[in-house]
Amino acid sequence: MAVLVIAEHDNASIKGATLNTVTAALACGGDVHVLIAGHNAADAAQAAARVAGVSKVLHADGAQFEHQLAENIAAQVLALATDYTHILFPTTAGGKNVAPRVAAKLDAAQISDVIKVHTADTFDRPVYAGNAIATVQSSDGVKVITVRSTSFEPANVAQGNAPVEATPTVAGTAGSQFVSAEIAKSERPELTSATIIVSGGRALGSNERFNAVLTPLADKLSAALGASRAAVDAGYAPNDLQVGQTGKIVAPTLYIACGISGAIQHLAGMKDSKVIVAINKDAEAPIFSVADYGLVADLFEAVPELVAAL
């Protein structure tokens, strides 16, 4: 039995979510292979080869994979699928774009957002915005799985020595082409990999106050900035800062929620954080039900005082 992990990478290095997915793959049993489909991605392939637990790296190199178009990556995965019992993707925008295409072509029931592997065919996944955990069993010959990275420890990046094997590539699809990409650049840590997150809600009232109040605290703590869906919908923060069921799932060491009421949608994205601190003037706010430390106070007074104390 062999398990295939579809790596996320930038053609030079692999992304952190791939390491968590390797850990989930090891729990499925059997040899773990990693697919690097990219263009001039030899460095990414070598990085994957050094990951502990990986027994082989498959390197599919071609210009059609340079921008990770879902149609092309899915076609490459399908060309290899019959050799594997499990195909695992990180639960990221890229993984969620490719996995359903692969599952549909294989006539398999995709198992989404896996948080625990019991056996090779039995898995846990959250349902109802994380308020319940479903244990599912699959009898599909090839199991297509997306893995919630925050639920698995990352595999060690310096203990492996797997061989890198060139694999035949499939032709790119004529139905789609890469046009352009607009990538937001920030000196702050990336939200899903940050160890500390300072997050704000609708109570901040405006984009100007969102940045004026939260940025000094984030700077002091070298933290990433996050936001609730309500704050994003109101235009206080950009969409890529949204934490929640329809945003990004995070599990930092420290999560500071400022002016966030704690709607189910938001809690689903951050309640696995190691330590949760909530600042809200409403003592009955649901956020306090998951907080390790709660401060009932006006955030416009409390946060500046906290910054001054730091």
Protein backbone atom coordinates (compact mmCIF):
# COMPACT_ATOMS: atom_id res chain seq x y z
CA MET A 1 0.00 0.00 0.00
CA ALA A 2 1.27 3.46 -0.90
CA VAL A 3 -0.03 6.93 -0.09
CA LEU A 4 0.45 9.99 -2.30
CA VAL A 5 0.73 13.51 -0.88
CA ILE A 6 0.19 16.39 -3.30
CA ALA A 7 2.70 19.02 -2.21
CA GLU A 8 2.05 22.74 -2.18
CA HIS A 9 5.14 24.67 -3.21
CA ASP A 10 6.43 27.77 -4.98
CA ASN A 11 8.81 25.86 -7.28
CA ALA A 12 11.64 26.62 -4.85
CA SER A 13 10.45 25.31 -1.49
CA ILE A 14 7.52 23.38 -0.07
CA LYS A 15 4.87 25.10 2.01
CA GLY A 16 4.21 24.31 5.65
CA ALA A 17 0.81 22.68 5.11
CA THR A 18 2.54 19.92 3.14
CA LEU A 19 4.48 18.87 6.25
CA ASN A 20 1.26 18.42 8.25
CA THR A 21 -0.25 16.46 5.39
CA VAL A 22 2.75 14.09 5.39
CA THR A 23 2.10 13.38 9.07
CA ALA A 24 -1.52 12.49 8.24
CA ALA A 25 -0.32 10.30 5.36
CA LEU A 26 2.02 8.37 7.67
CA ALA A 27 -0.96 7.61 9.92
CA CYS A 28 -2.73 5.99 6.94
CA GLY A 29 0.01 3.36 6.75
CA GLY A 30 2.22 2.26 3.89
CA ASP A 31 4.91 4.11 1.97
CA VAL A 32 4.46 7.85 1.63
CA HIS A 33 5.25 9.42 -1.75
CA VAL A 34 5.16 13.15 -2.45
CA LEU A 35 4.28 14.66 -5.82
CA ILE A 36 6.05 17.87 -6.83
CA ALA A 37 4.35 19.11 -10.00
CA GLY A 38 6.00 22.35 -11.03
CA HIS A 39 8.30 24.17 -13.43
CA ASN A 40 12.03 24.23 -12.66
CA ALA A 41 11.05 22.90 -9.25
CA ALA A 42 14.12 20.77 -8.51
CA ASP A 43 14.76 22.70 -5.28
CA ALA A 44 11.23 22.00 -4.07
CA ALA A 45 11.68 18.32 -4.90
CA GLN A 46 14.92 18.18 -2.90
CA ALA A 47 13.20 19.91 0.02
CA ALA A 48 10.44 17.29 -0.07
CA ALA A 49 13.05 14.52 -0.13
CA ARG A 50 14.42 15.73 3.21
CA VAL A 51 11.06 15.42 4.99
CA ALA A 52 11.00 12.63 7.56
CA GLY A 53 8.80 9.69 6.62
CA VAL A 54 8.80 10.33 2.87
CA SER A 55 10.02 7.26 0.95
CA LYS A 56 9.93 8.73 -2.58
CA VAL A 57 9.47 12.07 -4.32
CA LEU A 58 7.84 12.12 -7.74
CA HIS A 59 8.99 15.15 -9.73
CA ALA A 60 6.76 16.16 -12.64
CA ASP A 61 8.42 19.11 -14.32
CA GLY A 62 6.76 21.14 -17.06
CA ALA A 63 5.79 24.68 -17.99
CA GLN A 64 2.11 23.69 -17.66
CA PHE A 65 2.61 23.35 -13.90
CA GLU A 66 4.38 26.67 -13.30
CA HIS A 67 1.29 28.44 -11.93
CA GLN A 68 -0.35 25.39 -10.34
CA LEU A 69 -3.52 25.52 -12.45
CA ALA A 70 -6.02 23.12 -10.92
CA GLU A 71 -6.90 21.47 -14.24
CA ASN A 72 -3.28 20.59 -14.99
CA ILE A 73 -2.41 19.42 -11.48
CA ALA A 74 -5.54 17.25 -11.36
CA ALA A 75 -4.66 15.63 -14.68
CA GLN A 76 -1.17 14.81 -13.39
CA VAL A 77 -2.55 13.32 -10.18
CA LEU A 78 -5.05 11.21 -12.12
CA ALA A 79 -2.22 9.81 -14.27
CA LEU A 80 -0.66 8.41 -11.07
CA ALA A 81 -3.79 7.61 -9.07
CA THR A 82 -4.08 3.89 -9.80
CA ASP A 83 -0.80 3.21 -7.98
CA TYR A 84 -2.12 4.53 -4.66
CA THR A 85 -4.71 3.69 -2.03
CA HIS A 86 -4.86 7.24 -0.64
CA ILE A 87 -4.32 10.66 -2.22
CA LEU A 88 -3.94 13.47 0.31
CA PHE A 89 -4.15 17.25 -0.19
CA PRO A 90 -3.76 20.04 2.37
CA THR A 91 -7.06 21.80 3.14
CA THR A 92 -5.93 25.03 1.50
CA ALA A 93 -7.29 27.05 -1.39
CA GLY A 94 -5.09 25.04 -3.76
CA GLY A 95 -5.91 21.67 -2.26
CA LYS A 96 -9.64 22.36 -2.21
CA ASN A 97 -9.43 23.40 -5.86
CA VAL A 98 -7.79 20.20 -7.08
CA ALA A 99 -9.12 17.46 -4.79
CA PRO A 100 -12.78 17.54 -5.94
CA ARG A 101 -11.71 17.25 -9.57
CA VAL A 102 -9.65 14.18 -8.76
CA ALA A 103 -12.40 12.61 -6.65
CA ALA A 104 -15.02 13.16 -9.34
CA LYS A 105 -12.88 11.57 -12.04
CA LEU A 106 -12.16 8.58 -9.78
CA ASP A 107 -15.85 8.29 -8.81
CA ALA A 108 -14.76 8.47 -5.17
CA ALA A 109 -16.38 10.21 -2.21
CA GLN A 110 -14.00 12.95 -1.12
CA ILE A 111 -13.27 12.96 2.61
CA SER A 112 -12.85 16.62 3.49
CA ASP A 113 -11.05 18.39 6.32
CA VAL A 114 -9.79 15.27 8.11
CA ILE A 115 -8.62 15.99 11.66
CA LYS A 116 -7.75 12.44 12.77
CA VAL A 117 -6.80 9.14 11.13
CA HIS A 118 -8.05 6.09 13.05
CA THR A 119 -7.15 3.42 10.48
CA ALA A 120 -6.46 3.30 6.77
CA ASP A 121 -10.18 3.60 6.02
CA THR A 122 -11.62 5.46 9.05
CA PHE A 123 -11.28 9.17 9.71
CA ASP A 124 -12.65 12.02 11.84
CA ARG A 125 -13.85 15.25 10.28
CA PRO A 126 -15.74 18.24 11.75
CA VAL A 127 -19.35 18.93 10.79
CA TYR A 128 -21.81 21.68 11.77
CA ALA A 129 -19.03 24.30 11.90
CA GLY A 130 -16.99 22.11 14.21
CA ASN A 131 -19.73 21.61 16.78
CA ALA A 132 -19.75 17.87 16.07
CA ILE A 133 -17.15 15.40 14.89
CA ALA A 134 -18.17 12.75 12.36
CA THR A 135 -16.27 9.47 12.14
CA VAL A 136 -16.46 8.27 8.53
CA GLN A 137 -15.39 5.02 6.91
CA SER A 138 -14.59 4.76 3.21
CA SER A 139 -14.62 1.65 1.06
CA ASP A 140 -13.36 3.46 -2.07
CA GLY A 141 -10.39 1.84 -3.76
CA VAL A 142 -8.64 5.20 -3.88
CA LYS A 143 -9.44 7.52 -0.99
CA VAL A 144 -9.24 11.24 -1.81
CA ILE A 145 -8.65 13.24 1.36
CA THR A 146 -8.09 16.85 2.33
CA VAL A 147 -6.24 17.34 5.61
CA ARG A 148 -6.79 20.11 8.15
CA SER A 149 -3.18 21.04 8.77
CA THR A 150 -3.77 22.53 12.23
CA SER A 151 -4.80 19.08 13.52
CA PHE A 152 -1.49 17.35 12.69
CA GLU A 153 2.05 18.12 13.77
CA PRO A 154 4.39 19.05 10.92
CA ALA A 155 6.82 16.36 9.80
CA ASN A 156 10.49 17.02 10.50
CA VAL A 157 12.14 18.78 7.58
CA ALA A 158 15.71 17.62 8.04
CA GLN A 159 15.64 13.90 8.78
CA GLY A 160 14.68 12.36 5.44
CA ASN A 161 16.75 11.25 2.47
CA ALA A 162 14.22 10.02 -0.07
CA PRO A 163 15.09 9.46 -3.72
CA VAL A 164 13.73 11.92 -6.28
CA GLU A 165 12.26 10.23 -9.33
CA ALA A 166 11.29 12.03 -12.54
CA THR A 167 7.79 11.06 -13.62
CA PRO A 168 6.20 11.45 -17.06
CA THR A 169 4.10 14.59 -17.33
CA VAL A 170 0.67 15.10 -18.85
CA ALA A 171 -0.07 17.82 -21.36
CA GLY A 172 -1.60 21.06 -20.15
CA THR A 173 -5.28 21.68 -20.76
CA ALA A 174 -6.33 24.09 -23.48
CA GLY A 175 -9.43 25.08 -21.53
CA SER A 176 -7.72 27.40 -19.07
CA GLN A 177 -4.63 29.54 -18.93
CA PHE A 178 -2.85 31.68 -16.39
CA VAL A 179 -3.49 35.40 -16.86
CA SER A 180 -2.08 37.18 -13.82
CA ALA A 181 -1.73 37.05 -10.05
CA GLU A 182 -1.94 39.80 -7.47
CA ILE A 183 -0.12 38.73 -4.34
CA ALA A 184 -0.37 40.80 -1.18
CA LYS A 185 3.06 41.22 0.38
CA SER A 186 3.50 41.81 4.08
CA GLU A 187 6.34 41.73 6.58
CA ARG A 188 3.99 40.05 9.05
CA PRO A 189 3.83 36.26 9.47
CA GLU A 190 1.42 34.43 7.18
CA LEU A 191 -1.88 33.94 8.98
CA THR A 192 -2.08 30.14 8.86
CA SER A 193 1.51 29.65 10.06
CA ALA A 194 1.75 32.44 12.66
CA THR A 195 2.40 31.53 16.29
CA ILE A 196 0.60 34.68 17.53
CA ILE A 197 -2.48 36.26 15.96
CA VAL A 198 -4.20 39.50 16.92
CA SER A 199 -7.71 39.49 15.50
CA GLY A 200 -10.41 42.17 15.37
CA GLY A 201 -14.16 42.21 14.93
CA ARG A 202 -16.98 44.50 13.92
CA ALA A 203 -16.75 46.43 17.20
CA LEU A 204 -13.70 48.26 15.85
CA GLY A 205 -16.07 50.32 13.72
CA SER A 206 -13.89 51.27 10.74
CA ASN A 207 -10.83 50.33 8.73
CA GLU A 208 -8.94 53.25 10.22
CA ARG A 209 -9.63 52.21 13.81
CA PHE A 210 -9.00 48.54 12.99
CA ASN A 211 -5.45 49.41 11.93
CA ALA A 212 -4.84 52.14 14.52
CA VAL A 213 -5.83 49.94 17.46
CA LEU A 214 -4.60 46.49 16.43
CA THR A 215 -1.44 47.24 14.44
CA PRO A 216 0.61 48.51 17.46
CA LEU A 217 -0.28 45.36 19.43
CA ALA A 218 0.57 43.10 16.49
CA ASP A 219 3.88 44.95 16.04
CA LYS A 220 4.77 44.52 19.71
CA LEU A 221 4.10 40.79 19.57
CA SER A 222 5.45 40.18 16.03
CA ALA A 223 2.00 38.78 15.34
CA ALA A 224 -0.17 38.26 12.29
CA LEU A 225 -3.37 40.26 11.93
CA GLY A 226 -6.71 38.48 11.59
CA ALA A 227 -10.35 39.52 11.36
CA SER A 228 -13.83 38.12 11.82
CA ARG A 229 -16.14 37.72 8.86
CA ALA A 230 -18.25 40.61 10.13
CA ALA A 231 -15.21 42.90 10.08
CA VAL A 232 -14.26 41.76 6.58
CA ASP A 233 -17.82 42.15 5.27
CA ALA A 234 -17.94 45.66 6.72
CA GLY A 235 -14.75 46.57 4.89
CA TYR A 236 -12.56 47.00 7.97
CA ALA A 237 -10.04 44.37 6.83
CA PRO A 238 -9.15 42.61 3.55
CA ASN A 239 -10.59 39.19 2.78
CA ASP A 240 -7.26 37.39 3.17
CA LEU A 241 -7.29 38.22 6.91
CA GLN A 242 -10.60 36.44 7.56
CA VAL A 243 -10.49 33.72 10.21
CA GLY A 244 -13.38 31.28 10.34
CA GLN A 245 -15.29 28.52 8.65
CA THR A 246 -15.36 30.43 5.35
CA GLY A 247 -11.95 31.97 5.92
CA LYS A 248 -8.72 30.52 7.25
CA ILE A 249 -8.44 27.82 9.89
CA VAL A 250 -5.73 28.74 12.39
CA ALA A 251 -4.28 27.22 15.55
CA PRO A 252 -1.58 29.57 16.84
CA THR A 253 0.08 29.40 20.24
CA LEU A 254 -1.69 32.64 21.20
CA TYR A 255 -4.89 34.08 19.71
CA ILE A 256 -6.05 37.51 20.90
CA ALA A 257 -9.64 38.30 19.92
CA CYS A 258 -10.51 42.00 20.19
CA GLY A 259 -14.13 43.04 19.83
CA ILE A 260 -15.16 39.66 18.42
CA SER A 261 -18.47 38.31 19.72
CA GLY A 262 -17.67 34.69 18.93
CA ALA A 263 -20.13 33.59 16.28
CA ILE A 264 -20.01 29.89 15.41
CA GLN A 265 -18.50 30.71 12.00
CA HIS A 266 -15.53 32.41 13.67
CA LEU A 267 -15.06 29.89 16.46
CA ALA A 268 -14.78 27.10 13.89
CA GLY A 269 -11.64 28.76 12.56
CA MET A 270 -9.72 29.47 15.77
CA LYS A 271 -10.93 27.41 18.73
CA ASP A 272 -8.01 24.97 18.38
CA SER A 273 -5.58 27.77 19.34
CA LYS A 274 -3.39 26.82 22.30
CA VAL A 275 -4.23 29.94 24.35
CA ILE A 276 -7.19 32.22 23.55
CA VAL A 277 -7.47 35.72 25.02
CA ALA A 278 -10.75 37.60 24.52
CA ILE A 279 -11.32 41.33 25.01
CA ASN A 280 -14.97 42.36 24.77
CA LYS A 281 -17.18 44.76 26.72
CA ASP A 282 -20.11 42.32 26.53
CA ALA A 283 -19.69 39.87 29.40
CA GLU A 284 -22.19 37.50 27.75
CA ALA A 285 -20.31 37.30 24.42
CA PRO A 286 -19.94 33.67 23.23
CA ILE A 287 -16.20 34.19 22.69
CA PHE A 288 -15.71 33.90 26.45
CA SER A 289 -16.96 30.29 26.33
CA VAL A 290 -13.78 29.22 24.49
CA ALA A 291 -11.36 31.79 25.92
CA ASP A 292 -8.64 30.79 28.36
CA TYR A 293 -8.40 34.40 29.53
CA GLY A 294 -11.20 36.94 29.23
CA LEU A 295 -11.19 40.68 29.82
CA VAL A 296 -14.54 42.46 29.99
CA ALA A 297 -13.51 45.94 28.93
CA ASP A 298 -13.70 48.53 26.18
CA LEU A 299 -11.12 47.41 23.63
CA PHE A 300 -10.34 51.04 22.71
CA GLU A 301 -9.02 51.48 26.25
CA ALA A 302 -7.75 47.98 27.00
CA VAL A 303 -5.67 47.38 23.87
CA PRO A 304 -3.65 50.64 24.08
CA GLU A 305 -3.05 49.93 27.78
CA LEU A 306 -1.81 46.45 26.88
CA VAL A 307 0.50 47.91 24.23
CA ALA A 308 1.87 50.40 26.77
CA ALA A 309 2.48 47.61 29.28
CA LEU A 310 4.36 45.54 26.71
